[in-house]
Amino acid sequence: MAQWSQWFNELGPAVVDGGAAAGSAKTVGPGGSVSDGGSRGLTGYSIVSPDSLDSAVELAKGCPVLGIGGPVDVYDAIAT
């Protein structure tokens, strides 16, 4: 947890939502089919507000998940 706190402190006001770890998941497919497990293997999330997707990628390079060998996917949220 100390690594997460340190990373969030480094991100400063870019942190919108520190997020949470993900639990069990189900996937709903076309036609309403349901299967166990998420289709993308999500383990958790954090929301940041950088200037661009490339800036978000730079911020993600400090994520503690990388230190344990996990990947970090960075998505651009499309606000409506």
PDB file of N, CA and C in Angstrom:
ATOM      1  N   MET A   1       0.822  -1.198   0.000  1.00  0.00           N
ATOM      2  CA  MET A   1       0.000   0.000   0.000  1.00  0.00           C
ATOM      3  C   MET A   1       0.865   1.260   0.000  1.00  0.00           C
ATOM      4  N   ALA A   2       2.023   1.176   0.610  1.00  0.00           N
ATOM      5  CA  ALA A   2       2.903   2.350   0.651  1.00  0.00           C
ATOM      6  C   ALA A   2       3.316   2.762  -0.763  1.00  0.00           C
ATOM      7  N   GLN A   3       3.530   1.776  -1.642  1.00  0.00           N
ATOM      8  CA  GLN A   3       3.914   2.087  -3.025  1.00  0.00           C
ATOM      9  C   GLN A   3       2.779   2.823  -3.751  1.00  0.00           C
ATOM     10  N   TRP A   4       1.543   2.414  -3.468  1.00  0.00           N
ATOM     11  CA  TRP A   4       0.394   3.081  -4.088  1.00  0.00           C
ATOM     12  C   TRP A   4       0.290   4.517  -3.586  1.00  0.00           C
ATOM     13  N   SER A   5       0.421   4.704  -2.300  1.00  0.00           N
ATOM     14  CA  SER A   5       0.359   6.058  -1.737  1.00  0.00           C
ATOM     15  C   SER A   5       1.443   6.942  -2.330  1.00  0.00           C
ATOM     16  N   GLN A   6       2.647   6.405  -2.464  1.00  0.00           N
ATOM     17  CA  GLN A   6       3.761   7.168  -3.029  1.00  0.00           C
ATOM     18  C   GLN A   6       3.456   7.547  -4.480  1.00  0.00           C
ATOM     19  N   TRP A   7       2.940   6.591  -5.266  1.00  0.00           N
ATOM     20  CA  TRP A   7       2.633   6.862  -6.668  1.00  0.00           C
ATOM     21  C   TRP A   7       1.541   7.930  -6.783  1.00  0.00           C
ATOM     22  N   PHE A   8       0.482   7.824  -5.976  1.00  0.00           N
ATOM     23  CA  PHE A   8      -0.588   8.820  -6.017  1.00  0.00           C
ATOM     24  C   PHE A   8      -0.068  10.196  -5.616  1.00  0.00           C
ATOM     25  N   ASN A   9       0.849  10.244  -4.658  1.00  0.00           N
ATOM     26  CA  ASN A   9       1.448  11.524  -4.281  1.00  0.00           C
ATOM     27  C   ASN A   9       2.244  12.115  -5.442  1.00  0.00           C
ATOM     28  N   GLU A  10       2.957  11.265  -6.175  1.00  0.00           N
ATOM     29  CA  GLU A  10       3.720  11.725  -7.334  1.00  0.00           C
ATOM     30  C   GLU A  10       2.795  12.243  -8.440  1.00  0.00           C
ATOM     31  N   LEU A  11       1.635  11.618  -8.598  1.00  0.00           N
ATOM     32  CA  LEU A  11       0.681  12.034  -9.627  1.00  0.00           C
ATOM     33  C   LEU A  11      -0.011  13.346  -9.266  1.00  0.00           C
ATOM     34  N   GLY A  12      -0.115  13.623  -7.986  1.00  0.00           N
ATOM     35  CA  GLY A  12      -0.715  14.874  -7.523  1.00  0.00           C
ATOM     36  C   GLY A  12      -2.139  15.063  -8.006  1.00  0.00           C
ATOM     37  N   PRO A  13      -2.454  16.262  -8.509  1.00  0.00           N
ATOM     38  CA  PRO A  13      -3.830  16.567  -8.892  1.00  0.00           C
ATOM     39  C   PRO A  13      -4.311  15.823 -10.145  1.00  0.00           C
ATOM     40  N   ALA A  14      -3.430  15.088 -10.812  1.00  0.00           N
ATOM     41  CA  ALA A  14      -3.865  14.294 -11.973  1.00  0.00           C
ATOM     42  C   ALA A  14      -4.775  13.140 -11.542  1.00  0.00           C
ATOM     43  N   VAL A  15      -4.716  12.727 -10.262  1.00  0.00           N
ATOM     44  CA  VAL A  15      -5.541  11.615  -9.784  1.00  0.00           C
ATOM     45  C   VAL A  15      -6.991  12.087  -9.636  1.00  0.00           C
ATOM     46  N   VAL A  16      -7.883  11.474 -10.403  1.00  0.00           N
ATOM     47  CA  VAL A  16      -9.310  11.764 -10.309  1.00  0.00           C
ATOM     48  C   VAL A  16      -9.957  10.778  -9.348  1.00  0.00           C
ATOM     49  N   ASP A  17      -9.565   9.501  -9.471  1.00  0.00           N
ATOM     50  CA  ASP A  17     -10.098   8.431  -8.627  1.00  0.00           C
ATOM     51  C   ASP A  17      -8.989   7.405  -8.477  1.00  0.00           C
ATOM     52  N   GLY A  18      -8.539   7.187  -7.246  1.00  0.00           N
ATOM     53  CA  GLY A  18      -7.482   6.218  -6.991  1.00  0.00           C
ATOM     54  C   GLY A  18      -7.873   4.811  -7.380  1.00  0.00           C
ATOM     55  N   GLY A  19      -9.171   4.554  -7.491  1.00  0.00           N
ATOM     56  CA  GLY A  19      -9.661   3.265  -7.970  1.00  0.00           C
ATOM     57  C   GLY A  19      -9.741   2.198  -6.913  1.00  0.00           C
ATOM     58  N   ALA A  20      -9.764   0.969  -7.373  1.00  0.00           N
ATOM     59  CA  ALA A  20      -9.912  -0.193  -6.502  1.00  0.00           C
ATOM     60  C   ALA A  20      -9.486  -1.439  -7.257  1.00  0.00           C
ATOM     61  N   ALA A  21      -9.214  -2.475  -6.509  1.00  0.00           N
ATOM     62  CA  ALA A  21      -8.937  -3.774  -7.123  1.00  0.00           C
ATOM     63  C   ALA A  21     -10.250  -4.353  -7.628  1.00  0.00           C
ATOM     64  N   ALA A  22     -10.185  -5.142  -8.693  1.00  0.00           N
ATOM     65  CA  ALA A  22     -11.373  -5.782  -9.248  1.00  0.00           C
ATOM     66  C   ALA A  22     -11.547  -7.166  -8.636  1.00  0.00           C
ATOM     67  N   GLY A  23     -12.786  -7.552  -8.457  1.00  0.00           N
ATOM     68  CA  GLY A  23     -13.120  -8.890  -7.939  1.00  0.00           C
ATOM     69  C   GLY A  23     -13.584  -9.783  -9.074  1.00  0.00           C
ATOM     70  N   SER A  24     -14.540 -10.679  -8.773  1.00  0.00           N
ATOM     71  CA  SER A  24     -15.049 -11.571  -9.805  1.00  0.00           C
ATOM     72  C   SER A  24     -15.746 -10.792 -10.903  1.00  0.00           C
ATOM     73  N   ALA A  25     -15.880 -11.440 -12.043  1.00  0.00           N
ATOM     74  CA  ALA A  25     -16.485 -10.774 -13.194  1.00  0.00           C
ATOM     75  C   ALA A  25     -17.292 -11.757 -14.022  1.00  0.00           C
ATOM     76  N   LYS A  26     -18.212 -11.229 -14.788  1.00  0.00           N
ATOM     77  CA  LYS A  26     -18.964 -11.975 -15.788  1.00  0.00           C
ATOM     78  C   LYS A  26     -18.957 -11.128 -17.046  1.00  0.00           C
ATOM     79  N   THR A  27     -19.039 -11.766 -18.175  1.00  0.00           N
ATOM     80  CA  THR A  27     -19.069 -11.073 -19.446  1.00  0.00           C
ATOM     81  C   THR A  27     -20.416 -11.318 -20.123  1.00  0.00           C
ATOM     82  N   VAL A  28     -21.061 -10.258 -20.539  1.00  0.00           N
ATOM     83  CA  VAL A  28     -22.320 -10.357 -21.268  1.00  0.00           C
ATOM     84  C   VAL A  28     -21.997 -10.159 -22.745  1.00  0.00           C
ATOM     85  N   GLY A  29     -22.369 -11.132 -23.542  1.00  0.00           N
ATOM     86  CA  GLY A  29     -22.087 -11.080 -24.969  1.00  0.00           C
ATOM     87  C   GLY A  29     -23.306 -10.726 -25.786  1.00  0.00           C
ATOM     88  N   PRO A  30     -23.138 -10.667 -27.097  1.00  0.00           N
ATOM     89  CA  PRO A  30     -24.266 -10.387 -27.980  1.00  0.00           C
ATOM     90  C   PRO A  30     -25.388 -11.398 -27.758  1.00  0.00           C
ATOM     91  N   GLY A  31     -26.592 -10.927 -27.793  1.00  0.00           N
ATOM     92  CA  GLY A  31     -27.727 -11.830 -27.596  1.00  0.00           C
ATOM     93  C   GLY A  31     -27.972 -12.160 -26.139  1.00  0.00           C
ATOM     94  N   GLY A  32     -27.199 -11.564 -25.228  1.00  0.00           N
ATOM     95  CA  GLY A  32     -27.430 -11.789 -23.801  1.00  0.00           C
ATOM     96  C   GLY A  32     -26.713 -12.991 -23.219  1.00  0.00           C
ATOM     97  N   SER A  33     -25.837 -13.638 -23.962  1.00  0.00           N
ATOM     98  CA  SER A  33     -25.091 -14.767 -23.403  1.00  0.00           C
ATOM     99  C   SER A  33     -24.204 -14.262 -22.263  1.00  0.00           C
ATOM    100  N   VAL A  34     -24.034 -15.096 -21.238  1.00  0.00           N
ATOM    101  CA  VAL A  34     -23.237 -14.709 -20.072  1.00  0.00           C
ATOM    102  C   VAL A  34     -22.191 -15.782 -19.805  1.00  0.00           C
ATOM    103  N   SER A  35     -20.945 -15.343 -19.565  1.00  0.00           N
ATOM    104  CA  SER A  35     -19.884 -16.286 -19.218  1.00  0.00           C
ATOM    105  C   SER A  35     -19.126 -15.762 -18.006  1.00  0.00           C
ATOM    106  N   ASP A  36     -18.531 -16.678 -17.263  1.00  0.00           N
ATOM    107  CA  ASP A  36     -17.751 -16.296 -16.090  1.00  0.00           C
ATOM    108  C   ASP A  36     -16.427 -15.689 -16.514  1.00  0.00           C
ATOM    109  N   GLY A  37     -15.972 -14.730 -15.739  1.00  0.00           N
ATOM    110  CA  GLY A  37     -14.685 -14.095 -16.006  1.00  0.00           C
ATOM    111  C   GLY A  37     -14.836 -12.920 -16.945  1.00  0.00           C
ATOM    112  N   GLY A  38     -14.026 -11.921 -16.731  1.00  0.00           N
ATOM    113  CA  GLY A  38     -14.050 -10.753 -17.600  1.00  0.00           C
ATOM    114  C   GLY A  38     -13.306 -11.026 -18.890  1.00  0.00           C
ATOM    115  N   SER A  39     -13.726 -10.394 -19.968  1.00  0.00           N
ATOM    116  CA  SER A  39     -13.098 -10.642 -21.262  1.00  0.00           C
ATOM    117  C   SER A  39     -11.725  -9.977 -21.378  1.00  0.00           C
ATOM    118  N   ARG A  40     -11.409  -9.013 -20.501  1.00  0.00           N
ATOM    119  CA  ARG A  40     -10.144  -8.290 -20.615  1.00  0.00           C
ATOM    120  C   ARG A  40      -9.175  -8.559 -19.465  1.00  0.00           C
ATOM    121  N   GLY A  41      -9.536  -9.357 -18.502  1.00  0.00           N
ATOM    122  CA  GLY A  41      -8.616  -9.674 -17.421  1.00  0.00           C
ATOM    123  C   GLY A  41      -8.297  -8.496 -16.513  1.00  0.00           C
ATOM    124  N   LEU A  42      -9.260  -7.619 -16.309  1.00  0.00           N
ATOM    125  CA  LEU A  42      -9.078  -6.438 -15.467  1.00  0.00           C
ATOM    126  C   LEU A  42      -8.803  -6.840 -14.021  1.00  0.00           C
ATOM    127  N   THR A  43      -7.783  -6.255 -13.419  1.00  0.00           N
ATOM    128  CA  THR A  43      -7.475  -6.540 -12.016  1.00  0.00           C
ATOM    129  C   THR A  43      -7.732  -5.337 -11.114  1.00  0.00           C
ATOM    130  N   GLY A  44      -7.943  -4.181 -11.703  1.00  0.00           N
ATOM    131  CA  GLY A  44      -8.227  -2.974 -10.938  1.00  0.00           C
ATOM    132  C   GLY A  44      -8.173  -1.768 -11.845  1.00  0.00           C
ATOM    133  N   TYR A  45      -8.405  -0.598 -11.265  1.00  0.00           N
ATOM    134  CA  TYR A  45      -8.384   0.610 -12.076  1.00  0.00           C
ATOM    135  C   TYR A  45      -7.975   1.817 -11.251  1.00  0.00           C
ATOM    136  N   SER A  46      -7.503   2.827 -11.933  1.00  0.00           N
ATOM    137  CA  SER A  46      -7.268   4.162 -11.389  1.00  0.00           C
ATOM    138  C   SER A  46      -7.628   5.129 -12.507  1.00  0.00           C
ATOM    139  N   ILE A  47      -8.166   6.287 -12.155  1.00  0.00           N
ATOM    140  CA  ILE A  47      -8.531   7.283 -13.155  1.00  0.00           C
ATOM    141  C   ILE A  47      -7.683   8.527 -12.939  1.00  0.00           C
ATOM    142  N   VAL A  48      -7.015   8.947 -14.016  1.00  0.00           N
ATOM    143  CA  VAL A  48      -6.198  10.164 -13.976  1.00  0.00           C
ATOM    144  C   VAL A  48      -6.693  11.124 -15.055  1.00  0.00           C
ATOM    145  N   SER A  49      -6.324  12.379 -14.924  1.00  0.00           N
ATOM    146  CA  SER A  49      -6.745  13.400 -15.876  1.00  0.00           C
ATOM    147  C   SER A  49      -5.526  14.131 -16.431  1.00  0.00           C
ATOM    148  N   PRO A  50      -4.818  13.497 -17.365  1.00  0.00           N
ATOM    149  CA  PRO A  50      -3.641  14.126 -17.984  1.00  0.00           C
ATOM    150  C   PRO A  50      -4.063  14.970 -19.190  1.00  0.00           C
ATOM    151  N   ASP A  51      -3.091  15.566 -19.848  1.00  0.00           N
ATOM    152  CA  ASP A  51      -3.354  16.383 -21.035  1.00  0.00           C
ATOM    153  C   ASP A  51      -3.640  15.554 -22.281  1.00  0.00           C
ATOM    154  N   SER A  52      -3.147  14.323 -22.322  1.00  0.00           N
ATOM    155  CA  SER A  52      -3.294  13.494 -23.524  1.00  0.00           C
ATOM    156  C   SER A  52      -3.127  12.023 -23.143  1.00  0.00           C
ATOM    157  N   LEU A  53      -3.434  11.156 -24.085  1.00  0.00           N
ATOM    158  CA  LEU A  53      -3.230   9.721 -23.870  1.00  0.00           C
ATOM    159  C   LEU A  53      -1.747   9.425 -23.653  1.00  0.00           C
ATOM    160  N   ASP A  54      -0.880  10.089 -24.403  1.00  0.00           N
ATOM    161  CA  ASP A  54       0.562   9.880 -24.229  1.00  0.00           C
ATOM    162  C   ASP A  54       1.018  10.322 -22.834  1.00  0.00           C
ATOM    163  N   SER A  55       0.437  11.387 -22.318  1.00  0.00           N
ATOM    164  CA  SER A  55       0.760  11.828 -20.952  1.00  0.00           C
ATOM    165  C   SER A  55       0.300  10.792 -19.943  1.00  0.00           C
ATOM    166  N   ALA A  56      -0.864  10.193 -20.190  1.00  0.00           N
ATOM    167  CA  ALA A  56      -1.368   9.142 -19.297  1.00  0.00           C
ATOM    168  C   ALA A  56      -0.436   7.940 -19.298  1.00  0.00           C
ATOM    169  N   VAL A  57       0.106   7.611 -20.455  1.00  0.00           N
ATOM    170  CA  VAL A  57       1.060   6.504 -20.563  1.00  0.00           C
ATOM    171  C   VAL A  57       2.295   6.797 -19.716  1.00  0.00           C
ATOM    172  N   GLU A  58       2.778   8.014 -19.767  1.00  0.00           N
ATOM    173  CA  GLU A  58       3.940   8.389 -18.953  1.00  0.00           C
ATOM    174  C   GLU A  58       3.624   8.257 -17.467  1.00  0.00           C
ATOM    175  N   LEU A  59       2.420   8.683 -17.057  1.00  0.00           N
ATOM    176  CA  LEU A  59       2.024   8.550 -15.646  1.00  0.00           C
ATOM    177  C   LEU A  59       1.938   7.082 -15.251  1.00  0.00           C
ATOM    178  N   ALA A  60       1.441   6.243 -16.155  1.00  0.00           N
ATOM    179  CA  ALA A  60       1.273   4.816 -15.862  1.00  0.00           C
ATOM    180  C   ALA A  60       2.602   4.103 -15.649  1.00  0.00           C
ATOM    181  N   LYS A  61       3.677   4.660 -16.161  1.00  0.00           N
ATOM    182  CA  LYS A  61       4.989   4.025 -16.008  1.00  0.00           C
ATOM    183  C   LYS A  61       5.449   3.954 -14.559  1.00  0.00           C
ATOM    184  N   GLY A  62       4.777   4.674 -13.650  1.00  0.00           N
ATOM    185  CA  GLY A  62       5.107   4.608 -12.234  1.00  0.00           C
ATOM    186  C   GLY A  62       4.179   3.711 -11.437  1.00  0.00           C
ATOM    187  N   CYS A  63       3.228   3.050 -12.107  1.00  0.00           N
ATOM    188  CA  CYS A  63       2.243   2.217 -11.400  1.00  0.00           C
ATOM    189  C   CYS A  63       2.919   1.035 -10.703  1.00  0.00           C
ATOM    190  N   PRO A  64       2.592   0.807  -9.422  1.00  0.00           N
ATOM    191  CA  PRO A  64       3.189  -0.306  -8.672  1.00  0.00           C
ATOM    192  C   PRO A  64       2.934  -1.685  -9.267  1.00  0.00           C
ATOM    193  N   VAL A  65       1.900  -1.853 -10.069  1.00  0.00           N
ATOM    194  CA  VAL A  65       1.618  -3.152 -10.686  1.00  0.00           C
ATOM    195  C   VAL A  65       2.791  -3.598 -11.557  1.00  0.00           C
ATOM    196  N   LEU A  66       3.465  -2.650 -12.179  1.00  0.00           N
ATOM    197  CA  LEU A  66       4.608  -2.988 -13.034  1.00  0.00           C
ATOM    198  C   LEU A  66       5.734  -3.631 -12.228  1.00  0.00           C
ATOM    199  N   GLY A  67       5.855  -3.250 -10.967  1.00  0.00           N
ATOM    200  CA  GLY A  67       6.898  -3.789 -10.099  1.00  0.00           C
ATOM    201  C   GLY A  67       6.718  -5.247  -9.748  1.00  0.00           C
ATOM    202  N   ILE A  68       5.500  -5.772  -9.931  1.00  0.00           N
ATOM    203  CA  ILE A  68       5.249  -7.194  -9.655  1.00  0.00           C
ATOM    204  C   ILE A  68       5.048  -7.982 -10.954  1.00  0.00           C
ATOM    205  N   GLY A  69       5.431  -7.340 -12.075  1.00  0.00           N
ATOM    206  CA  GLY A  69       5.382  -8.039 -13.357  1.00  0.00           C
ATOM    207  C   GLY A  69       4.065  -7.944 -14.106  1.00  0.00           C
ATOM    208  N   GLY A  70       3.134  -7.139 -13.598  1.00  0.00           N
ATOM    209  CA  GLY A  70       1.847  -7.005 -14.273  1.00  0.00           C
ATOM    210  C   GLY A  70       1.848  -5.897 -15.303  1.00  0.00           C
ATOM    211  N   PRO A  71       0.927  -5.968 -16.260  1.00  0.00           N
ATOM    212  CA  PRO A  71       0.811  -4.916 -17.263  1.00  0.00           C
ATOM    213  C   PRO A  71      -0.150  -3.820 -16.812  1.00  0.00           C
ATOM    214  N   VAL A  72      -0.056  -2.675 -17.439  1.00  0.00           N
ATOM    215  CA  VAL A  72      -1.001  -1.577 -17.213  1.00  0.00           C
ATOM    216  C   VAL A  72      -1.547  -1.169 -18.575  1.00  0.00           C
ATOM    217  N   ASP A  73      -2.850  -1.284 -18.746  1.00  0.00           N
ATOM    218  CA  ASP A  73      -3.511  -0.809 -19.965  1.00  0.00           C
ATOM    219  C   ASP A  73      -3.971   0.613 -19.724  1.00  0.00           C
ATOM    220  N   VAL A  74      -3.779   1.479 -20.699  1.00  0.00           N
ATOM    221  CA  VAL A  74      -4.178   2.876 -20.578  1.00  0.00           C
ATOM    222  C   VAL A  74      -5.242   3.147 -21.641  1.00  0.00           C
ATOM    223  N   TYR A  75      -6.401   3.600 -21.196  1.00  0.00           N
ATOM    224  CA  TYR A  75      -7.510   3.905 -22.098  1.00  0.00           C
ATOM    225  C   TYR A  75      -7.856   5.378 -22.026  1.00  0.00           C
ATOM    226  N   ASP A  76      -8.295   5.922 -23.137  1.00  0.00           N
ATOM    227  CA  ASP A  76      -8.807   7.280 -23.188  1.00  0.00           C
ATOM    228  C   ASP A  76     -10.313   7.197 -22.966  1.00  0.00           C
ATOM    229  N   ALA A  77     -10.816   7.842 -21.926  1.00  0.00           N
ATOM    230  CA  ALA A  77     -12.253   7.854 -21.662  1.00  0.00           C
ATOM    231  C   ALA A  77     -12.919   8.869 -22.573  1.00  0.00           C
ATOM    232  N   ILE A  78     -14.015   8.478 -23.167  1.00  0.00           N
ATOM    233  CA  ILE A  78     -14.725   9.369 -24.075  1.00  0.00           C
ATOM    234  C   ILE A  78     -15.952   9.902 -23.343  1.00  0.00           C
ATOM    235  N   ALA A  79     -15.884  11.181 -22.977  1.00  0.00           N
ATOM    236  CA  ALA A  79     -16.990  11.808 -22.261  1.00  0.00           C
ATOM    237  C   ALA A  79     -18.060  12.239 -23.251  1.00  0.00           C
ATOM    238  N   THR A  80     -19.294  12.109 -22.842  1.00  0.00           N
ATOM    239  CA  THR A  80     -20.393  12.536 -23.717  1.00  0.00           C
ATOM    240  C   THR A  80     -21.099  13.731 -23.150  1.00  0.00           C
TER     241      THR A  80
END
